[in-house]
Amino acid sequence: MATAGTAKAAEGWYARVDLGYSVAGAAKIVANQAIGGEPDLEKDLSASLGLGYDLGTFRIEAEYARRENALDPILGVDQGGRVKSGAFMANVFADLGDGFVTPYVGAGVGAANVDVRAGNSSPLIPVSFDDSDSVVAYQFMAGASIALLPLLEVDIGYRYFATTNVNAAGGSPILSTIS
C-alpha cells in the first residue's frame, strides 16, 4: 500500500491518507450445500484515513479503511461476486530510525463490516450470497516513510489484513462461513 501523504511533526498529532493496491488474496467458503472452495480475491484498490499521535519512537492511531475485491467463480457460484469491507482499527507503530527514510513496523486490531455478494445462474443450484457480518479484524504493517517536506512524507509499505470468520446467509436456504 502506498500512502498518498502523511502530515506530521517530529512528535505530536498527525493525519494520513492512504491509497493502496491490494494484491491477490483468497477466501475459504464452507456451506451446507454443494458449493464451496477457496476462490481468489482479485487485485483492487483500497483506501484509508488515519489520525494518530507520534510519541517519538512509537505512534498510536485510529484508522478507517475501505477495501473491495472481486471474488472468482467457484463450485456452485459460477458468477463470482464481490467482497467489500469497512474497518475501524486501532494501530501501534514502531519507527526504526529518524532520518530521510524511516523504516517502520506496526500492528492493529479492530472491527470490520464485511459484505459478501455472489451468485450462481444455474437453475439446478440456485445459490446466492448477499449478506454482511461484523467481525474482529487484525493487521500487520511494515514499510518506510520518505520525508518530502518538513510536514509531508510519502510511505511505501505492506499491510496484511485479515478477519475472523464471516457468516453470510444466502438467497437460497444456505448458511456459509467465509474466512
Foldseek 3Di string as FASTA:
>chain_A
DKWPKKFDAQWFKIKTKRKAKDCKDWKWKDKPDFWTDIWIWHIDMKIKIWIWTGPHQKIKIKMKIKDKTWTDDTGLFHFTWMKIKIWIKIKMKGWPDDDQKIKMKMKIKTKMKIFTWTFDPDPVRGKIWTFIDIFIKMKIKIWIWGDPDNGIIMIDIDMDIDTPWIWIQIPPGMIMIMD
